[in-house]
């Protein structure tokens, strides 16, 4: 009867021990996510002055991490071959991306090291030595001559840790989670690089357009100085009008010079993204004249695009790794069983090593368990559990940040579209006002101050229109970045290891 009870209790105790030290089952933390973006809920009944973005009316679903979904080469939606070439160059040469790819290799190697503990470790060794013992060591009377002798040995050894309480499996799971997080971080660096290149490119084009606008203003101011100077020489006007004309010319030239500084800084930043020395890189002037070529986000865009955000995927993998490390910490509180074996031979010549009579072997098993550790292992468990709580908090924060970024950029595109519509109307009115002011001044029916005011207003409105076009392009890229990439099913970008190999 006692034997039957013992047989029934033993498996139960083993199961309890295993469950006590194993990593807890990973459960996806709950995150309060909306079923739709607020900025995508505009309806035709909205106020007449509200300008709706291309994504208005979209229905969204609750997102779950799905980093492996394809993104496609989203930048090709801009139909700009120059941009396409810049992103290809950046992907091949950017040094931050090289660092991220190297970290992926390192993380995968660490995961491989952890995997190696699953199989027995086998080694082989051989050696030769020549030694002379003292008479005392040879158990001979003092003063007895002892000749030097040669000895040869060969040995095969093996060792294996029995994964009784899940230390090895938990360590492997943690290493895999870390590797997954690093790979997701690589994709985050890649996406950020592509978006940064696109945004720097559009800022450069926007500055080129702004410079062209200011240069046109300089030409008008220069012509005004010449005309005013002739009228002053003829005695038609006083020196006041001539001085104001020269002041406006100098001011416009100063603004043009300031924009050149901004362009140079932006060009240098783009060179760094491309992995090129700023001194050897020059981007030709290509003003951004029209915002109509910017891609529109499809109306049926699903919220599953958020699931592909690499920062969310990285946080997810980090949670899984932290969860597995709880199992590693718990297993340290329980016995560890190691098996070892060895076989070989020793002889006075190399041939004798392999004789049956020279054989030797060893089999062993070692069971170790901490008894008094001052609370070290218990505190390691607490630390691991706290690390999991931290990872969960980081994951939830990543999701909240992702929703906020999408809302920001949807709102930005909507508002910028409204501003652009209004500023285009303002440009037409300002041009009409400037033309009328010029005609009145030429006819002697208007003052020079009225003409300057109309021309200055036109220049400011035209610059604002140019800046808004650039802002719309940059915000469109920002929205794509916030969504985790493009929205089509085009082939995904190269993997981290493929990219790294291509550079070697």
Protein backbone atom coordinates (compact mmCIF):
# COMPACT_ATOMS: atom_id res chain seq x y z
CA UNK A 1 0.00 0.00 0.00
CA UNK A 2 2.84 2.37 0.92
CA UNK A 3 4.58 1.58 -2.35
CA UNK A 4 1.43 2.43 -4.31
CA UNK A 5 1.10 5.74 -2.48
CA UNK A 6 4.74 6.52 -3.09
CA UNK A 7 4.38 5.74 -6.78
CA UNK A 8 1.39 8.08 -7.01
CA UNK A 9 2.94 10.90 -5.01
CA UNK A 10 6.31 10.94 -6.81
CA UNK A 11 4.98 12.04 -10.22
CA UNK A 12 2.76 14.61 -8.53
CA UNK A 13 5.68 16.10 -6.62
CA UNK A 14 7.78 16.18 -9.79
CA UNK A 15 4.99 17.99 -11.63
CA UNK A 16 4.65 20.51 -8.83
CA UNK A 17 8.38 21.18 -8.84
CA UNK A 18 8.44 21.61 -12.61
CA UNK A 19 5.48 24.01 -12.54
CA UNK A 20 7.04 25.97 -9.70
CA UNK A 21 10.25 26.74 -11.59
CA UNK A 22 9.00 26.94 -15.18
CA UNK A 23 8.39 30.30 -16.82
CA UNK A 24 4.77 31.45 -16.49
CA UNK A 25 2.58 31.11 -19.57
CA UNK A 26 2.93 34.26 -21.63
CA UNK A 27 -0.30 36.18 -21.98
CA UNK A 28 -0.74 39.14 -24.29
CA UNK A 29 -1.35 42.18 -22.05
CA UNK A 30 -4.63 43.94 -22.62
CA UNK A 31 -4.39 47.40 -24.19
CA UNK A 32 -7.35 49.74 -24.51
CA UNK A 33 -7.31 50.55 -28.23
CA UNK A 34 -10.03 52.38 -30.15
CA UNK A 35 -11.84 50.66 -32.98
CA UNK A 36 -11.39 53.71 -35.19
CA UNK A 37 -9.18 56.76 -35.38
CA UNK A 38 -10.89 59.95 -34.34
CA UNK A 39 -9.44 61.82 -37.31
CA UNK A 40 -10.89 59.26 -39.74
CA UNK A 41 -14.46 59.73 -38.56
CA UNK A 42 -15.30 62.92 -40.47
CA UNK A 43 -18.57 62.74 -42.35
CA UNK A 44 -20.02 64.72 -45.26
CA UNK A 45 -22.17 66.52 -42.70
CA UNK A 46 -19.10 68.21 -41.25
CA UNK A 47 -18.82 71.95 -41.26
CA UNK A 48 -18.34 73.48 -44.68
CA UNK A 49 -14.99 74.97 -43.69
CA UNK A 50 -13.59 71.58 -42.62
CA UNK A 51 -11.29 70.01 -45.19
CA UNK A 52 -11.38 66.20 -45.10
CA UNK A 53 -8.25 64.12 -45.65
CA UNK A 54 -8.06 61.22 -48.10
CA UNK A 55 -8.47 58.77 -45.22
CA UNK A 56 -11.76 60.19 -43.97
CA UNK A 57 -14.60 57.72 -43.60
CA UNK A 58 -12.24 54.78 -43.03
CA UNK A 59 -13.33 51.97 -40.68
CA UNK A 60 -10.56 50.59 -38.48
CA UNK A 61 -10.24 47.37 -36.48
CA UNK A 62 -8.49 46.60 -33.22
CA UNK A 63 -4.79 46.03 -33.91
CA UNK A 64 -2.64 43.10 -32.82
CA UNK A 65 1.12 42.90 -33.41
CA UNK A 66 1.92 41.31 -36.79
CA UNK A 67 5.39 42.55 -37.65
CA UNK A 68 5.91 39.95 -40.40
CA UNK A 69 3.27 41.45 -42.70
CA UNK A 70 4.66 42.99 -45.90
CA UNK A 71 5.07 46.73 -46.21
CA UNK A 72 6.24 47.19 -49.76
CA UNK A 73 8.37 49.97 -51.21
CA UNK A 74 6.03 52.71 -50.07
CA UNK A 75 8.24 55.55 -51.32
CA UNK A 76 7.53 54.54 -54.94
CA UNK A 77 4.00 55.88 -54.47
CA UNK A 78 5.52 59.37 -54.80
CA UNK A 79 6.55 58.55 -58.41
CA UNK A 80 9.90 60.27 -57.94
CA UNK A 81 12.93 58.48 -59.39
CA UNK A 82 15.33 60.76 -57.55
CA UNK A 83 13.74 59.79 -54.24
CA UNK A 84 13.88 56.11 -55.21
CA UNK A 85 17.61 56.36 -55.87
CA UNK A 86 18.29 58.20 -52.63
CA UNK A 87 16.56 55.55 -50.53
CA UNK A 88 18.46 52.77 -52.32
CA UNK A 89 21.75 54.57 -51.58
CA UNK A 90 20.80 55.12 -47.95
CA UNK A 91 19.82 51.48 -47.46
CA UNK A 92 23.17 50.36 -48.85
CA UNK A 93 25.45 52.88 -47.14
CA UNK A 94 23.90 54.29 -43.96
CA UNK A 95 26.13 53.49 -40.99
CA UNK A 96 23.36 53.40 -38.38
CA UNK A 97 21.70 50.69 -40.43
CA UNK A 98 25.03 48.83 -40.59
CA UNK A 99 25.23 48.95 -36.80
CA UNK A 100 21.65 47.67 -36.47
CA UNK A 101 22.35 44.81 -38.91
CA UNK A 102 25.45 43.83 -36.93
CA UNK A 103 23.37 43.75 -33.75
CA UNK A 104 20.96 41.37 -35.43
CA UNK A 105 23.84 39.03 -36.23
CA UNK A 106 25.06 39.29 -32.66
CA UNK A 107 21.61 38.56 -31.20
CA UNK A 108 21.14 35.56 -33.48
CA UNK A 109 24.54 34.24 -32.47
CA UNK A 110 23.64 34.60 -28.78
CA UNK A 111 20.44 32.66 -29.44
CA UNK A 112 22.54 29.97 -31.13
CA UNK A 113 24.79 29.79 -28.07
CA UNK A 114 21.74 29.23 -25.88
CA UNK A 115 20.46 26.56 -28.27
CA UNK A 116 23.79 24.70 -27.97
CA UNK A 117 22.98 23.84 -24.34
CA UNK A 118 20.19 21.55 -25.56
CA UNK A 119 22.65 18.95 -26.91
CA UNK A 120 25.60 17.13 -25.28
CA UNK A 121 28.94 18.87 -25.48
CA UNK A 122 31.59 16.53 -26.90
CA UNK A 123 35.31 17.21 -26.98
CA UNK A 124 38.51 15.43 -27.89
CA UNK A 125 42.04 15.98 -26.70
CA UNK A 126 45.52 14.55 -27.17
CA UNK A 127 48.80 15.31 -25.47
CA UNK A 128 52.42 14.33 -25.05
CA UNK A 129 54.88 15.08 -22.28
CA UNK A 130 58.36 14.20 -21.07
CA UNK A 131 58.97 14.26 -17.34
CA UNK A 132 61.48 13.15 -14.71
CA UNK A 133 60.18 12.33 -11.26
CA UNK A 134 62.16 12.76 -8.06
CA UNK A 135 63.02 9.54 -6.14
CA UNK A 136 60.50 10.50 -3.50
CA UNK A 137 57.71 10.92 -6.07
CA UNK A 138 58.68 7.56 -7.60
CA UNK A 139 58.62 5.89 -4.14
CA UNK A 140 62.37 5.11 -4.35
CA UNK A 141 65.18 5.63 -1.82
CA UNK A 142 66.73 9.08 -1.80
CA UNK A 143 69.60 9.31 -4.25
CA UNK A 144 68.28 6.64 -6.57
CA UNK A 145 68.68 7.83 -10.17
CA UNK A 146 65.39 8.17 -12.03
CA UNK A 147 65.35 8.38 -15.80
CA UNK A 148 63.14 10.74 -17.72
CA UNK A 149 60.16 9.14 -19.44
CA UNK A 150 57.73 10.03 -22.21
CA UNK A 151 53.96 9.70 -21.93
CA UNK A 152 51.19 10.13 -24.51
CA UNK A 153 47.45 10.46 -24.01
CA UNK A 154 44.23 10.74 -25.98
CA UNK A 155 40.79 11.36 -24.54
CA UNK A 156 37.17 11.75 -25.66
CA UNK A 157 34.87 13.59 -23.25
CA UNK A 158 31.17 14.46 -23.15
CA UNK A 159 29.00 16.49 -20.82
CA UNK A 160 25.28 17.26 -20.69
CA UNK A 161 23.00 19.21 -18.38
CA UNK A 162 19.66 17.53 -17.87
CA UNK A 163 17.00 20.23 -18.16
CA UNK A 164 15.09 19.10 -15.10
CA UNK A 165 13.50 22.41 -14.23
CA UNK A 166 13.47 24.28 -17.52
CA UNK A 167 16.59 26.41 -17.12
CA UNK A 168 17.89 25.59 -20.58
CA UNK A 169 14.54 25.87 -22.37
CA UNK A 170 13.73 29.15 -20.60
CA UNK A 171 17.14 30.55 -21.47
CA UNK A 172 16.63 29.57 -25.12
CA UNK A 173 13.20 31.24 -25.16
CA UNK A 174 14.67 34.41 -23.65
CA UNK A 175 17.48 34.50 -26.22
CA UNK A 176 15.01 34.00 -29.05
CA UNK A 177 12.87 36.83 -27.69
CA UNK A 178 15.90 39.11 -27.50
CA UNK A 179 16.84 38.22 -31.07
CA UNK A 180 13.30 38.94 -32.23
CA UNK A 181 13.36 42.32 -30.48
CA UNK A 182 16.69 43.23 -32.09
CA UNK A 183 15.40 42.22 -35.54
CA UNK A 184 12.33 44.38 -35.01
CA UNK A 185 14.59 47.23 -33.94
CA UNK A 186 16.53 46.79 -37.17
CA UNK A 187 13.29 47.15 -39.12
CA UNK A 188 12.50 50.24 -37.06
CA UNK A 189 15.88 51.76 -37.95
CA UNK A 190 15.31 50.87 -41.61
CA UNK A 191 11.84 52.41 -41.69
CA UNK A 192 13.06 55.51 -39.86
CA UNK A 193 15.97 55.84 -42.27
CA UNK A 194 13.72 55.61 -45.32
CA UNK A 195 11.30 58.13 -43.85
CA UNK A 196 14.10 60.48 -42.79
CA UNK A 197 15.56 60.42 -46.30
CA UNK A 198 12.16 61.15 -47.84
CA UNK A 199 11.44 63.97 -45.40
CA UNK A 200 14.89 65.54 -45.87
CA UNK A 201 14.43 65.29 -49.64
CA UNK A 202 11.06 67.05 -49.54
CA UNK A 203 12.36 69.69 -47.15
CA UNK A 204 15.17 70.33 -49.62
CA UNK A 205 12.72 70.65 -52.50
CA UNK A 206 10.50 72.90 -50.41
CA UNK A 207 13.46 75.15 -49.62
CA UNK A 208 14.34 75.22 -53.32
CA UNK A 209 10.82 76.39 -54.10
CA UNK A 210 10.98 78.98 -51.32
CA UNK A 211 14.36 80.20 -52.58
CA UNK A 212 12.93 80.52 -56.09
CA UNK A 213 10.04 82.57 -54.69
CA UNK A 214 12.36 84.87 -52.75
CA UNK A 215 14.71 85.22 -55.72
CA UNK A 216 11.74 86.31 -57.82
CA UNK A 217 10.94 88.87 -55.14
CA UNK A 218 14.57 90.06 -55.28
CA UNK A 219 14.25 90.53 -59.03
CA UNK A 220 11.08 92.56 -58.56
CA UNK A 221 12.71 94.65 -55.85
CA UNK A 222 15.75 95.23 -58.05
CA UNK A 223 13.57 96.35 -60.93
CA UNK A 224 11.64 98.59 -58.53
CA UNK A 225 14.89 100.25 -57.43
CA UNK A 226 15.87 100.93 -61.03
CA UNK A 227 12.46 102.36 -61.93
CA UNK A 228 12.28 104.40 -58.74
CA UNK A 229 15.79 105.68 -59.32
CA UNK A 230 14.89 106.94 -62.80
CA UNK A 231 11.79 108.64 -61.45
CA UNK A 232 13.83 110.22 -58.67
CA UNK A 233 16.38 111.52 -61.17
CA UNK A 234 13.53 112.95 -63.22
CA UNK A 235 12.14 114.68 -60.14
CA UNK A 236 8.83 112.76 -60.16
CA UNK A 237 9.28 111.39 -56.63
CA UNK A 238 11.20 112.23 -53.50
CA UNK A 239 14.18 110.49 -51.94
CA UNK A 240 11.89 108.74 -49.44
CA UNK A 241 10.47 106.38 -52.09
CA UNK A 242 13.95 105.57 -53.40
CA UNK A 243 15.27 104.78 -49.89
CA UNK A 244 12.31 102.51 -49.17
CA UNK A 245 12.86 100.67 -52.45
CA UNK A 246 16.53 100.08 -51.61
CA UNK A 247 15.58 98.92 -48.12
CA UNK A 248 13.12 96.37 -49.49
CA UNK A 249 15.75 95.09 -51.96
CA UNK A 250 18.38 94.61 -49.24
CA UNK A 251 15.83 92.86 -47.00
CA UNK A 252 14.81 90.44 -49.77
CA UNK A 253 18.46 89.66 -50.53
CA UNK A 254 19.08 88.96 -46.84
CA UNK A 255 16.16 86.52 -46.74
CA UNK A 256 17.52 84.75 -49.82
CA UNK A 257 20.93 84.35 -48.19
CA UNK A 258 19.33 82.98 -45.01
CA UNK A 259 17.42 80.37 -47.00
CA UNK A 260 20.67 79.27 -48.64
CA UNK A 261 22.05 78.54 -45.17
CA UNK A 262 19.01 76.41 -44.34
CA UNK A 263 19.36 74.57 -47.63
CA UNK A 264 23.03 73.82 -47.00
CA UNK A 265 22.24 72.41 -43.56
CA UNK A 266 19.45 70.22 -44.94
CA UNK A 267 21.68 69.02 -47.77
CA UNK A 268 24.42 68.06 -45.30
CA UNK A 269 21.90 66.14 -43.16
CA UNK A 270 20.75 64.24 -46.24
CA UNK A 271 24.36 63.37 -47.09
CA UNK A 272 24.83 61.83 -43.63
CA UNK A 273 21.69 59.72 -44.10
CA UNK A 274 23.08 58.51 -47.43
CA UNK A 275 26.37 57.54 -45.79
CA UNK A 276 28.33 60.10 -47.83
CA UNK A 277 30.71 62.91 -46.77
CA UNK A 278 28.85 66.21 -46.78
CA UNK A 279 31.77 67.78 -48.65
CA UNK A 280 31.30 65.43 -51.61
CA UNK A 281 27.51 65.57 -51.87
CA UNK A 282 25.51 68.13 -53.80
CA UNK A 283 21.78 67.91 -54.47
CA UNK A 284 20.60 69.78 -57.57
CA UNK A 285 17.89 72.37 -57.16
CA UNK A 286 14.44 70.95 -57.80
CA UNK A 287 11.65 73.16 -56.42
CA UNK A 288 8.51 71.47 -55.13
CA UNK A 289 5.93 73.25 -57.23
CA UNK A 290 2.84 71.08 -56.82
CA UNK A 291 1.40 69.02 -53.97
CA UNK A 292 -1.12 67.22 -56.16
CA UNK A 293 1.42 64.48 -56.95
CA UNK A 294 1.57 63.40 -53.30
CA UNK A 295 0.05 59.96 -52.72
CA UNK A 296 -3.32 59.78 -50.97
CA UNK A 297 -3.84 57.24 -48.22
CA UNK A 298 -6.46 54.75 -49.54
CA UNK A 299 -9.90 55.15 -47.99
CA UNK A 300 -10.11 51.45 -47.11
CA UNK A 301 -6.87 51.37 -45.17
CA UNK A 302 -7.21 48.88 -42.29
CA UNK A 303 -5.83 49.46 -38.83
CA UNK A 304 -3.80 46.26 -39.16
CA UNK A 305 -1.09 48.48 -40.60
CA UNK A 306 -0.46 49.56 -37.02
CA UNK A 307 0.26 45.94 -36.20
CA UNK A 308 3.33 46.08 -38.39
CA UNK A 309 5.00 48.94 -36.53
CA UNK A 310 8.46 47.62 -35.66
CA UNK A 311 8.62 49.41 -32.32
CA UNK A 312 5.49 47.56 -31.18
CA UNK A 313 6.93 44.28 -32.45
CA UNK A 314 10.17 44.95 -30.56
CA UNK A 315 8.26 45.65 -27.35
CA UNK A 316 6.29 42.43 -27.87
CA UNK A 317 9.43 40.32 -28.26
CA UNK A 318 11.01 42.01 -25.23
CA UNK A 319 7.98 41.01 -23.14
CA UNK A 320 8.36 37.39 -24.24
CA UNK A 321 12.07 37.42 -23.36
CA UNK A 322 11.38 38.94 -19.93
CA UNK A 323 8.70 36.33 -19.29
CA UNK A 324 11.13 33.52 -20.15
CA UNK A 325 13.79 34.91 -17.81
CA UNK A 326 11.43 34.41 -14.90
CA UNK A 327 11.75 30.68 -15.61
CA UNK A 328 15.56 30.97 -15.69
CA UNK A 329 15.56 32.74 -12.32
CA UNK A 330 13.17 30.22 -10.77
CA UNK A 331 15.18 27.22 -11.98
CA UNK A 332 18.24 28.45 -10.05
CA UNK A 333 16.37 27.65 -6.82
CA UNK A 334 16.10 23.95 -7.70
CA UNK A 335 18.63 21.13 -8.21
CA UNK A 336 20.80 21.05 -11.34
CA UNK A 337 21.84 17.67 -12.73
CA UNK A 338 24.93 17.36 -14.93
CA UNK A 339 26.14 14.16 -16.60
CA UNK A 340 29.70 13.62 -17.75
CA UNK A 341 31.63 10.84 -19.46
CA UNK A 342 35.16 10.35 -20.68
CA UNK A 343 37.26 7.64 -22.32
CA UNK A 344 40.82 7.47 -23.54
CA UNK A 345 44.23 5.91 -23.13
CA UNK A 346 47.72 6.68 -21.74
CA UNK A 347 50.99 5.05 -22.77
CA UNK A 348 54.70 5.52 -22.98
CA UNK A 349 54.47 5.60 -26.78
CA UNK A 350 51.90 6.90 -29.18
CA UNK A 351 51.07 3.33 -30.31
CA UNK A 352 50.39 2.20 -26.74
CA UNK A 353 47.75 4.88 -26.28
CA UNK A 354 45.29 2.95 -28.42
CA UNK A 355 45.96 -0.50 -26.88
CA UNK A 356 43.06 -2.06 -24.99
CA UNK A 357 45.22 -2.44 -21.89
CA UNK A 358 45.87 1.35 -21.84
CA UNK A 359 42.24 2.27 -21.77
CA UNK A 360 40.58 4.41 -19.11
CA UNK A 361 37.04 5.69 -18.75
CA UNK A 362 34.90 7.77 -16.47
CA UNK A 363 31.16 8.16 -15.94
CA UNK A 364 29.77 10.75 -13.55
CA UNK A 365 26.71 12.58 -12.44
CA UNK A 366 26.60 15.71 -10.29
CA UNK A 367 23.55 17.08 -8.56
CA UNK A 368 23.85 20.54 -7.07
CA UNK A 369 21.35 22.74 -5.28
CA UNK A 370 21.72 25.95 -3.29
CA UNK A 371 20.99 25.72 0.43
CA UNK A 372 21.89 29.15 1.79
CA UNK A 373 22.35 31.99 -0.68
CA UNK A 374 21.30 34.99 1.39
CA UNK A 375 18.16 35.45 -0.68
CA UNK A 376 20.10 35.90 -3.94
CA UNK A 377 17.96 33.56 -6.04
CA UNK A 378 14.69 34.80 -4.59
CA UNK A 379 15.64 38.38 -5.38
CA UNK A 380 16.61 37.34 -8.90
CA UNK A 381 13.07 36.02 -9.34
CA UNK A 382 11.62 39.29 -8.05
CA UNK A 383 13.90 41.24 -10.38
CA UNK A 384 12.79 39.13 -13.35
CA UNK A 385 9.14 39.65 -12.51
CA UNK A 386 9.73 43.40 -12.21
CA UNK A 387 11.49 43.36 -15.59
CA UNK A 388 8.39 41.76 -17.10
CA UNK A 389 6.19 44.47 -15.58
CA UNK A 390 8.51 47.06 -17.08
CA UNK A 391 8.34 45.38 -20.50
CA UNK A 392 4.54 45.29 -20.35
CA UNK A 393 4.45 48.99 -19.53
CA UNK A 394 6.81 49.75 -22.44
CA UNK A 395 4.62 47.72 -24.79
CA UNK A 396 1.45 49.54 -23.76
CA UNK A 397 3.22 52.89 -24.09
CA UNK A 398 4.37 51.94 -27.61
CA UNK A 399 0.80 51.16 -28.63
CA UNK A 400 -0.52 54.42 -27.18
CA UNK A 401 2.26 56.37 -28.88
CA UNK A 402 1.48 54.68 -32.19
CA UNK A 403 -2.17 55.69 -32.06
CA UNK A 404 -1.23 59.25 -31.07
CA UNK A 405 1.24 59.56 -33.96
CA UNK A 406 -1.32 58.37 -36.50
CA UNK A 407 -3.92 60.77 -35.09
CA UNK A 408 -1.38 63.62 -35.19
CA UNK A 409 -0.53 63.07 -38.83
CA UNK A 410 -4.11 62.46 -39.95
CA UNK A 411 -5.03 65.73 -38.27
CA UNK A 412 -1.99 67.38 -39.78
CA UNK A 413 -2.91 66.35 -43.32
CA UNK A 414 -6.51 67.41 -42.82
CA UNK A 415 -5.57 70.82 -41.46
CA UNK A 416 -2.79 71.37 -43.99
CA UNK A 417 -5.21 70.59 -46.80
CA UNK A 418 -7.55 73.25 -45.45
CA UNK A 419 -4.72 75.76 -45.08
CA UNK A 420 -3.49 75.05 -48.59
CA UNK A 421 -6.92 75.63 -50.07
CA UNK A 422 -7.23 78.94 -48.28
CA UNK A 423 -3.70 80.10 -49.07
CA UNK A 424 -4.14 79.38 -52.78
CA UNK A 425 -7.15 81.66 -52.76
CA UNK A 426 -5.10 84.23 -50.85
CA UNK A 427 -2.30 84.03 -53.45
CA UNK A 428 -4.75 84.83 -56.25
CA UNK A 429 -6.18 87.80 -54.32
CA UNK A 430 -2.72 89.06 -53.34
CA UNK A 431 -1.53 88.94 -56.95
CA UNK A 432 -4.58 90.90 -58.04
CA UNK A 433 -3.98 93.48 -55.30
CA UNK A 434 -0.31 93.83 -56.25
CA UNK A 435 -1.19 94.34 -59.92
CA UNK A 436 -3.77 97.02 -59.05
CA UNK A 437 -1.38 98.76 -56.66
CA UNK A 438 1.32 98.83 -59.35
CA UNK A 439 -1.05 100.33 -61.91
CA UNK A 440 -2.30 102.96 -59.47
CA UNK A 441 1.24 103.90 -58.51
CA UNK A 442 2.36 104.13 -62.13
CA UNK A 443 -0.62 106.38 -62.85
CA UNK A 444 0.23 108.58 -59.89
CA UNK A 445 -2.98 107.70 -58.07
CA UNK A 446 -1.44 105.57 -55.36
CA UNK A 447 1.38 106.00 -52.86
CA UNK A 448 4.60 104.01 -52.89
CA UNK A 449 3.84 102.73 -49.38
CA UNK A 450 0.61 101.18 -50.66
CA UNK A 451 2.53 99.51 -53.48
CA UNK A 452 5.19 98.15 -51.11
CA UNK A 453 2.53 96.86 -48.75
CA UNK A 454 0.76 94.99 -51.57
CA UNK A 455 4.02 93.53 -52.90
CA UNK A 456 5.20 92.54 -49.44
CA UNK A 457 1.89 90.84 -48.72
CA UNK A 458 2.09 88.91 -52.00
CA UNK A 459 5.63 87.72 -51.25
CA UNK A 460 4.63 86.55 -47.76
CA UNK A 461 1.56 84.70 -49.04
CA UNK A 462 3.53 83.00 -51.82
CA UNK A 463 6.20 81.86 -49.33
CA UNK A 464 3.52 80.52 -47.02
CA UNK A 465 1.97 78.57 -49.91
CA UNK A 466 5.37 77.05 -50.74
CA UNK A 467 6.01 76.13 -47.09
CA UNK A 468 2.59 74.46 -46.82
CA UNK A 469 3.36 72.30 -49.86
CA UNK A 470 6.54 71.14 -48.18
CA UNK A 471 4.73 70.53 -44.90
CA UNK A 472 2.13 68.37 -46.65
CA UNK A 473 4.84 66.22 -48.26
CA UNK A 474 6.72 65.80 -44.98
CA UNK A 475 3.50 65.01 -43.06
CA UNK A 476 2.47 62.43 -45.66
CA UNK A 477 5.77 60.63 -45.09
CA UNK A 478 5.27 60.94 -41.32
CA UNK A 479 1.85 59.29 -41.59
CA UNK A 480 3.30 56.41 -43.58
CA UNK A 481 6.00 56.01 -40.94
CA UNK A 482 3.39 56.08 -38.17
CA UNK A 483 1.44 53.34 -39.94
CA UNK A 484 4.53 51.14 -40.02
CA UNK A 485 5.19 51.42 -43.76
CA UNK A 486 3.22 51.26 -46.97
CA UNK A 487 -0.25 49.86 -47.44
CA UNK A 488 0.20 47.53 -50.43
CA UNK A 489 1.36 43.93 -50.63
CA UNK A 490 4.56 44.61 -52.54
CA UNK A 491 7.66 42.56 -51.66
CA UNK A 492 9.11 43.47 -48.31
CA UNK A 493 12.54 45.02 -47.93
CA UNK A 494 15.62 42.85 -47.54
CA UNK A 495 16.17 41.14 -44.22
CA UNK A 496 18.80 42.35 -41.84
CA UNK A 497 21.29 39.57 -42.56
CA UNK A 498 20.81 39.87 -46.33
CA UNK A 499 21.44 43.62 -46.16
CA UNK A 500 24.52 43.13 -44.04
CA UNK A 501 25.89 40.45 -46.37
CA UNK A 502 25.35 42.69 -49.37
CA UNK A 503 27.59 45.32 -47.79
CA UNK A 504 30.45 42.92 -47.03
